[in-house]
Amino acid sequence: MARLARLAIAGQVHLLIQRVHQDRSVFADPADRQAYLQCLAEAAAKQGVALHGYGLAAAEVRLLATPIEAKALGRMVQFIGRRFVAGYNRRHGRHGALWDGRFRSTIIDPVDYFLPCLRYVEGAAGSAPLEPGNESAPWSSAAHHAGLRTDGYITEHAQFWSLGNTPFEREAAYRRAVEAPVAGSQAEGIALASLHGWVLGSEHFLQSLGMQTERRLRPLLPGRPQSLVRMV
């Protein structure tokens, strides 16, 4: 079966996952993570991508972002690939590709899924107390959203602003939200949607996206010929 084209629509919130070959560790130390974040910040600014959250695991990067145009996400990832991988290879005396093929992504309905997906993205770096003195760990935007530090390259989405009328209220609401981990079933659903490119959203949201693209937005129903399935 032919692989579906990557789903990308300007102005929509996208969840991106980038994995390393054979689940090997890519971030050997803080210097590697800092180098990646510097490339990410520069790439997002150059390509017109609003970055809402990030999480750097040993073998995986998760991002939540909104592109100003559909092709901006691909250009951002390509920029990071050229800049970061070249520096990484020089630093560690290696050569060749680093990432496991193309990045995976999907679009989410921010009304229902922004906060769960933000927590999923930031959870890639592992869990650690969101409290003063722990500003730099884990390597995610969680500390930024909790008010422990400021990541200047983060653009807050309207759904994050809706958590409160003031920065203090929003940060407090976010800290309360992350006290309970994302349910395993919900995290699995988010991961599967991202890896396969299926949209996370209501029927109404899917219908609105279907007016902007001919690309299939959800799996085919089992047992029905493809020709009989309505494309949304």
Protein backbone atom coordinates (compact mmCIF):
# COMPACT_ATOMS: atom_id res chain seq x y z
CA MET A 1 0.00 0.00 0.00
CA ALA A 2 1.35 3.41 -0.94
CA ARG A 3 2.39 5.61 1.92
CA LEU A 4 0.16 8.60 2.52
CA ALA A 5 1.62 12.02 1.96
CA ARG A 6 2.54 13.87 5.13
CA LEU A 7 -0.34 15.98 6.38
CA ALA A 8 0.47 19.67 6.74
CA ILE A 9 -1.93 22.62 6.67
CA ALA A 10 -1.01 26.24 7.31
CA GLY A 11 -2.29 27.72 10.54
CA GLN A 12 -3.09 24.36 12.18
CA VAL A 13 -1.41 22.92 15.27
CA HIS A 14 0.85 19.97 14.37
CA LEU A 15 2.38 17.31 16.58
CA LEU A 16 5.76 16.14 15.24
CA ILE A 17 7.83 13.12 16.20
CA GLN A 18 11.41 12.56 15.06
CA ARG A 19 13.15 9.30 15.98
CA VAL A 20 16.74 8.11 15.90
CA HIS A 21 17.93 5.05 13.97
CA GLN A 22 17.29 1.83 15.94
CA ASP A 23 16.27 3.78 19.06
CA ARG A 24 19.87 4.69 19.79
CA SER A 25 20.58 7.58 22.13
CA VAL A 26 21.23 10.79 20.21
CA PHE A 27 21.72 13.20 23.10
CA ALA A 28 24.89 12.10 24.86
CA ASP A 29 25.08 15.11 27.18
CA PRO A 30 23.57 18.57 27.84
CA ALA A 31 25.73 20.09 25.09
CA ASP A 32 23.97 17.96 22.47
CA ARG A 33 20.55 18.97 23.76
CA GLN A 34 21.48 22.63 23.89
CA ALA A 35 22.83 22.46 20.33
CA TYR A 36 19.57 20.91 19.14
CA LEU A 37 17.47 23.58 20.86
CA GLN A 38 19.57 26.34 19.33
CA CYS A 39 19.05 24.84 15.87
CA LEU A 40 15.34 24.39 16.57
CA ALA A 41 14.89 28.01 17.68
CA GLU A 42 16.74 29.34 14.63
CA ALA A 43 14.92 27.05 12.23
CA ALA A 44 11.47 27.89 13.60
CA ALA A 45 12.18 31.62 13.35
CA LYS A 46 13.56 31.37 9.81
CA GLN A 47 10.72 29.23 8.46
CA GLY A 48 7.80 30.96 10.16
CA VAL A 49 6.87 28.18 12.56
CA ALA A 50 5.34 29.02 15.95
CA LEU A 51 6.78 26.55 18.45
CA HIS A 52 4.38 25.79 21.33
CA GLY A 53 6.25 23.01 23.11
CA TYR A 54 9.11 20.53 22.88
CA GLY A 55 10.47 17.42 24.59
CA LEU A 56 13.86 15.82 24.01
CA ALA A 57 14.13 12.15 24.92
CA ALA A 58 17.31 10.12 24.44
CA ALA A 59 16.12 8.66 21.14
CA GLU A 60 13.15 10.83 20.19
CA VAL A 61 12.15 14.47 19.75
CA ARG A 62 8.55 15.65 20.06
CA LEU A 63 7.36 19.08 18.98
CA LEU A 64 4.07 20.97 19.01
CA ALA A 65 4.00 23.74 16.42
CA THR A 66 1.94 25.83 14.01
CA PRO A 67 3.40 26.65 10.56
CA ILE A 68 2.62 29.87 8.73
CA GLU A 69 2.49 27.81 5.52
CA ALA A 70 2.22 24.08 4.89
CA LYS A 71 5.79 23.51 3.69
CA ALA A 72 7.34 25.39 6.60
CA LEU A 73 7.43 22.33 8.88
CA GLY A 74 9.43 20.29 6.38
CA ARG A 75 11.86 23.15 5.79
CA MET A 76 12.30 23.59 9.56
CA VAL A 77 13.14 19.91 10.05
CA GLN A 78 15.49 19.95 7.05
CA PHE A 79 17.33 22.96 8.48
CA ILE A 80 17.74 21.19 11.82
CA GLY A 81 18.91 18.06 10.04
CA ARG A 82 21.62 19.88 8.13
CA ARG A 83 22.83 22.09 10.97
CA PHE A 84 22.48 19.81 13.98
CA VAL A 85 23.53 16.51 12.39
CA ALA A 86 26.65 18.04 10.83
CA GLY A 87 27.73 19.47 14.18
CA TYR A 88 26.79 16.28 16.01
CA ASN A 89 28.84 14.13 13.65
CA ARG A 90 31.87 16.40 14.01
CA ARG A 91 31.60 16.42 17.80
CA HIS A 92 31.25 12.65 18.13
CA GLY A 93 33.52 11.56 15.28
CA ARG A 94 30.79 9.84 13.29
CA HIS A 95 29.23 10.18 9.83
CA GLY A 96 26.02 9.39 8.03
CA ALA A 97 22.34 9.81 8.82
CA LEU A 98 21.10 10.22 12.36
CA TRP A 99 17.31 10.16 12.15
CA ASP A 100 15.12 7.19 11.29
CA GLY A 101 13.72 8.38 7.96
CA ARG A 102 11.28 11.24 7.64
CA PHE A 103 9.64 12.86 10.63
CA ARG A 104 6.08 11.89 11.55
CA SER A 105 3.32 14.39 12.19
CA THR A 106 -0.37 14.99 12.46
CA ILE A 107 -2.81 17.83 13.07
CA ILE A 108 -4.71 18.22 16.32
CA ASP A 109 -7.90 20.03 17.28
CA PRO A 110 -6.53 22.50 19.85
CA VAL A 111 -9.86 22.88 21.64
CA ASP A 112 -9.88 19.25 22.76
CA TYR A 113 -6.29 18.13 22.37
CA PHE A 114 -3.87 21.00 22.88
CA LEU A 115 -3.20 20.51 26.59
CA PRO A 116 -3.06 16.67 26.46
CA CYS A 117 -0.70 16.86 23.47
CA LEU A 118 1.45 19.52 25.14
CA ARG A 119 1.83 17.26 28.15
CA TYR A 120 2.57 14.30 25.87
CA VAL A 121 5.25 16.29 24.02
CA GLU A 122 6.89 17.56 27.18
CA GLY A 123 6.68 14.09 28.74
CA ALA A 124 9.20 12.81 26.17
CA ALA A 125 11.97 14.15 28.40
CA GLY A 126 10.78 12.20 31.42
CA SER A 127 9.15 13.37 34.61
CA ALA A 128 10.72 15.67 37.18
CA PRO A 129 9.27 17.97 39.84
CA LEU A 130 8.20 21.35 38.49
CA GLU A 131 9.60 23.40 41.33
CA PRO A 132 12.23 26.14 41.86
CA GLY A 133 15.75 24.79 41.47
CA ASN A 134 14.78 22.35 38.75
CA GLU A 135 14.54 24.86 35.92
CA SER A 136 16.80 23.10 33.43
CA ALA A 137 15.59 19.52 33.81
CA PRO A 138 13.98 17.74 32.15
CA TRP A 139 14.85 18.92 28.67
CA SER A 140 11.42 20.13 27.71
CA SER A 141 9.29 23.27 27.68
CA ALA A 142 7.52 22.15 30.88
CA ALA A 143 9.59 24.44 33.10
CA HIS A 144 8.75 27.35 30.81
CA HIS A 145 5.02 26.70 31.04
CA ALA A 146 5.26 26.27 34.80
CA GLY A 147 6.85 29.72 35.14
CA LEU A 148 10.27 28.44 36.27
CA ARG A 149 12.17 29.90 33.32
CA THR A 150 11.50 31.71 30.06
CA ASP A 151 12.13 30.07 26.69
CA GLY A 152 12.09 33.04 24.35
CA TYR A 153 11.42 30.91 21.29
CA ILE A 154 8.12 29.51 22.64
CA THR A 155 4.91 31.02 21.23
CA GLU A 156 1.96 30.43 23.52
CA HIS A 157 -1.16 29.11 21.84
CA ALA A 158 -4.59 30.58 22.59
CA GLN A 159 -5.51 27.37 24.42
CA PHE A 160 -2.67 27.91 26.88
CA TRP A 161 -3.72 31.52 27.37
CA SER A 162 -7.21 30.29 28.18
CA LEU A 163 -5.88 28.61 31.35
CA GLY A 164 -5.98 31.96 33.18
CA ASN A 165 -6.19 35.72 32.90
CA THR A 166 -2.66 36.35 34.17
CA PRO A 167 0.69 34.58 33.72
CA PHE A 168 0.52 33.48 37.37
CA GLU A 169 -2.93 31.93 36.89
CA ARG A 170 -1.90 30.17 33.69
CA GLU A 171 1.29 28.78 35.19
CA ALA A 172 -0.53 27.61 38.32
CA ALA A 173 -3.24 25.93 36.24
CA TYR A 174 -0.58 24.21 34.15
CA ARG A 175 1.26 22.93 37.23
CA ARG A 176 -1.99 21.49 38.56
CA ALA A 177 -2.68 19.83 35.21
CA VAL A 178 0.67 18.03 35.07
CA GLU A 179 0.35 16.64 38.58
CA ALA A 180 -1.73 13.82 37.06
CA PRO A 181 0.10 11.93 34.29
CA VAL A 182 -1.44 11.53 30.85
CA ALA A 183 -3.44 8.29 30.86
CA GLY A 184 -1.67 5.43 29.13
CA SER A 185 -4.50 4.90 26.69
CA GLN A 186 -4.60 8.59 25.77
CA ALA A 187 -0.81 8.75 25.31
CA GLU A 188 -0.96 5.65 23.11
CA GLY A 189 -3.73 7.19 21.01
CA ILE A 190 -1.76 10.41 20.56
CA ALA A 191 1.37 8.48 19.59
CA LEU A 192 -0.46 6.28 17.06
CA ALA A 193 -2.18 9.27 15.47
CA SER A 194 1.14 11.08 15.15
CA LEU A 195 3.03 8.13 13.72
CA HIS A 196 0.32 7.31 11.17
CA GLY A 197 -0.76 10.86 10.36
CA TRP A 198 -4.36 10.55 11.54
CA VAL A 199 -6.01 13.75 12.74
CA LEU A 200 -6.92 14.11 16.41
CA GLY A 201 -10.21 15.95 16.59
CA SER A 202 -13.98 15.92 16.49
CA GLU A 203 -16.06 15.03 13.44
CA HIS A 204 -16.73 18.72 12.88
CA PHE A 205 -13.00 19.47 13.00
CA LEU A 206 -12.26 16.71 10.48
CA GLN A 207 -14.93 18.03 8.16
CA SER A 208 -13.44 21.51 8.27
CA LEU A 209 -9.98 20.14 7.47
CA GLY A 210 -11.42 18.03 4.67
CA MET A 211 -12.32 21.23 2.86
CA GLN A 212 -8.62 22.20 2.84
CA THR A 213 -7.03 18.94 1.66
CA GLU A 214 -7.83 15.85 -0.39
CA ARG A 215 -5.57 13.73 1.79
CA ARG A 216 -7.32 11.07 3.93
CA LEU A 217 -7.51 12.19 7.57
CA ARG A 218 -8.41 8.98 9.40
CA PRO A 219 -8.08 5.20 8.90
CA LEU A 220 -10.35 3.37 6.53
CA LEU A 221 -13.19 1.52 8.20
CA PRO A 222 -12.49 -2.24 8.32
CA GLY A 223 -14.37 -4.46 5.90
CA ARG A 224 -15.40 -1.77 3.43
CA PRO A 225 -13.94 -1.23 -0.05
CA GLN A 226 -11.93 1.94 -0.28
CA SER A 227 -14.11 3.22 -3.09
CA LEU A 228 -17.11 3.23 -0.78
CA VAL A 229 -15.46 5.13 2.04
CA ARG A 230 -16.22 8.80 2.12
CA MET A 231 -13.09 10.86 2.06
CA VAL A 232 -13.11 13.56 4.72
